Protein backbone atom coordinates (compact mmCIF):
# COMPACT_ATOMS: atom_id res chain seq x y z
CA MET A 1 -59.35 -7.23 -2.92
CA THR A 2 -57.91 -10.70 -2.18
CA THR A 3 -55.87 -11.50 0.90
CA LEU A 4 -52.75 -12.11 -1.21
CA THR A 5 -53.15 -8.77 -3.00
CA ARG A 6 -53.49 -7.01 0.35
CA ARG A 7 -50.38 -8.79 1.62
CA THR A 8 -48.19 -7.82 -1.34
CA GLY A 9 -49.18 -4.19 -0.77
CA ASP A 10 -48.22 -4.43 2.90
CA PRO A 11 -44.85 -2.79 3.72
CA ALA A 12 -44.04 -5.50 6.27
CA PHE A 13 -44.65 -8.23 3.70
CA GLN A 14 -42.53 -6.34 1.18
CA ALA A 15 -39.73 -6.13 3.76
CA TYR A 16 -40.07 -9.89 4.33
CA LEU A 17 -39.75 -10.60 0.60
CA LEU A 18 -36.77 -8.26 0.27
CA LEU A 19 -34.91 -9.81 3.22
CA ARG A 20 -35.78 -13.32 2.09
CA THR A 21 -34.37 -12.63 -1.36
CA VAL A 22 -31.16 -11.08 -0.01
CA PHE A 23 -30.56 -13.85 2.55
CA THR A 24 -31.12 -16.47 -0.14
CA VAL A 25 -28.93 -14.95 -2.85
CA ALA A 26 -26.05 -13.53 -0.78
CA PRO A 27 -25.09 -16.74 1.08
CA VAL A 28 -25.24 -18.74 -2.15
CA LEU A 29 -23.03 -16.24 -4.01
CA PHE A 30 -20.56 -15.92 -1.14
CA GLY A 31 -20.53 -19.69 -0.78
CA LEU A 32 -19.78 -20.18 -4.46
CA ASP A 33 -16.99 -17.61 -4.25
CA LYS A 34 -15.25 -19.69 -1.58
CA PHE A 35 -14.32 -22.01 -4.45
CA THR A 36 -13.07 -19.29 -6.80
CA ASN A 37 -11.72 -16.53 -4.53
CA LEU A 38 -12.82 -13.91 -7.06
CA MET A 39 -14.06 -11.43 -4.44
CA THR A 40 -11.17 -11.89 -2.02
CA ASP A 41 -8.65 -14.36 -0.67
CA TRP A 42 -11.04 -16.09 1.75
CA PRO A 43 -8.51 -18.18 3.70
CA ARG A 44 -6.98 -15.02 5.16
CA TYR A 45 -10.26 -14.45 7.05
CA LEU A 46 -9.88 -17.69 9.00
CA ALA A 47 -8.51 -17.14 12.51
CA PRO A 48 -5.42 -19.27 13.20
CA TRP A 49 -6.99 -20.92 16.26
CA ILE A 50 -9.92 -22.11 14.11
CA ASP A 51 -7.55 -23.27 11.39
CA ASP A 52 -5.64 -25.25 14.05
CA LEU A 53 -8.87 -26.98 15.15
CA LEU A 54 -9.84 -28.08 11.65
CA PRO A 55 -8.19 -30.77 9.58
CA GLY A 56 -6.60 -29.74 6.29
CA THR A 57 -5.63 -26.31 5.05
CA ALA A 58 -7.39 -22.98 5.46
CA ALA A 59 -8.40 -23.18 1.79
CA GLN A 60 -10.01 -26.56 2.37
CA ALA A 61 -11.82 -25.15 5.39
CA MET A 62 -13.16 -22.38 3.17
CA TYR A 63 -14.53 -24.98 0.76
CA ALA A 64 -16.52 -26.44 3.65
CA VAL A 65 -17.61 -22.92 4.62
CA GLY A 66 -18.77 -22.39 1.04
CA VAL A 67 -20.90 -25.53 1.10
CA ILE A 68 -22.46 -24.49 4.42
CA GLU A 69 -23.23 -21.00 3.10
CA ILE A 70 -24.85 -22.39 -0.04
CA LEU A 71 -26.99 -24.74 2.05
CA ALA A 72 -27.96 -21.89 4.39
CA GLY A 73 -29.16 -19.84 1.42
CA VAL A 74 -31.21 -22.77 0.14
CA VAL A 75 -32.79 -23.25 3.58
CA VAL A 76 -33.78 -19.57 3.62
CA ALA A 77 -35.37 -20.01 0.19
CA VAL A 78 -37.30 -23.12 1.17
CA ALA A 79 -38.10 -22.48 4.85
CA PRO A 80 -37.32 -18.87 5.80
CA ARG A 81 -38.76 -19.25 9.33
CA PHE A 82 -35.91 -21.65 10.07
CA GLY A 83 -33.29 -20.59 7.53
CA ALA A 84 -33.16 -17.05 8.90
CA TYR A 85 -31.95 -18.38 12.24
CA VAL A 86 -29.43 -20.70 10.55
CA VAL A 87 -27.97 -17.67 8.76
CA ALA A 88 -28.01 -15.62 11.99
CA ALA A 89 -26.12 -18.36 13.86
CA TRP A 90 -23.63 -18.67 11.00
CA LEU A 91 -23.05 -14.91 11.04
CA ALA A 92 -22.47 -15.05 14.80
CA GLY A 93 -19.74 -17.62 14.19
CA ILE A 94 -18.19 -15.43 11.50
CA ILE A 95 -18.23 -12.46 13.89
CA VAL A 96 -16.39 -14.47 16.56
CA ASP A 97 -13.84 -15.53 13.95
CA LEU A 98 -13.29 -11.96 12.77
CA LEU A 99 -13.06 -10.48 16.27
CA THR A 100 -10.49 -13.05 17.35
CA LEU A 101 -8.55 -12.53 14.14
CA GLY A 102 -8.17 -8.91 15.18
CA ASP A 103 -7.81 -7.07 11.87
CA TYR A 104 -11.37 -7.02 10.58
CA TYR A 105 -13.46 -5.19 13.16
CA ASP A 106 -15.21 -3.23 10.41
CA VAL A 107 -16.29 -6.44 8.67
CA ALA A 108 -17.41 -7.90 12.02
CA LEU A 109 -19.59 -4.83 12.61
CA ARG A 110 -21.08 -5.14 9.12
CA ASP A 111 -21.79 -8.81 9.76
CA PHE A 112 -23.49 -7.86 13.05
CA GLY A 113 -25.84 -5.67 11.01
CA LEU A 114 -26.50 -8.62 8.71
CA LEU A 115 -27.15 -10.83 11.75
CA VAL A 116 -29.78 -8.36 12.97
CA GLY A 117 -31.33 -8.38 9.48
CA ALA A 118 -31.44 -12.19 9.52
CA LEU A 119 -33.20 -12.10 12.90
CA ALA A 120 -35.69 -9.59 11.50
CA LEU A 121 -36.29 -11.96 8.57
CA GLY A 122 -37.02 -14.76 11.03
CA ARG A 123 -39.67 -12.68 12.78
CA LEU A 124 -41.21 -11.42 9.52
CA ALA A 125 -41.23 -14.97 8.12
CA GLN A 126 -43.15 -16.14 11.18
CA ALA A 127 -45.68 -13.34 10.68
CA ALA A 128 -46.02 -14.20 6.97
CA HIS A 129 -46.47 -17.87 7.83
CA SER A 130 -49.12 -17.09 10.45
CA ALA A 131 -50.98 -14.81 8.02
CA ALA A 132 -50.84 -17.49 5.31
CA ALA A 133 -52.06 -20.16 7.72
CA SER A 134 -55.10 -18.08 8.64
CA ALA A 135 -55.93 -17.22 4.99
CA PRO A 136 -58.33 -19.33 2.95
CA SER A 137 -56.42 -22.23 1.38
CA THR A 138 -56.83 -20.88 -2.17
CA LEU A 139 -55.03 -17.66 -1.23
CA ARG A 140 -52.10 -19.04 0.74
CA ASP A 141 -48.64 -17.94 -0.32
CA PRO A 142 -46.44 -21.05 -0.69
CA ALA A 143 -43.41 -18.80 -0.20
CA ALA A 144 -44.33 -18.20 3.44
CA ALA A 145 -43.13 -21.66 4.55
């Protein structure tokens, strides 16, 4: 049995792939929706004090948020060891925004769960990278960057 075959049968590696997929796709989709507002009216989730700090309208701020979320998803896809922590930091910022807004404690709690998942992805990505680095070069998984 090859090292790669053993890894894909490993529950921890499967969890890594699952989290990597979710934290790639979800930020990209949410980021794209900041431009369409199909899922919700995103500007209403921006705390007034943050809106006051930023130039332009809340809608324009959400466009910038959308770009950042898309980029975060791409970083997770390309370099999950680093992208996971970018997403975790971004979620921490969203949590602060939601808690200070005052009406979305349930969403803030959900985002805290996502933050913990992003941190778990960061640890699993490090383990996958270390395992790939110690494997013979012909069996390395390029997805473990």
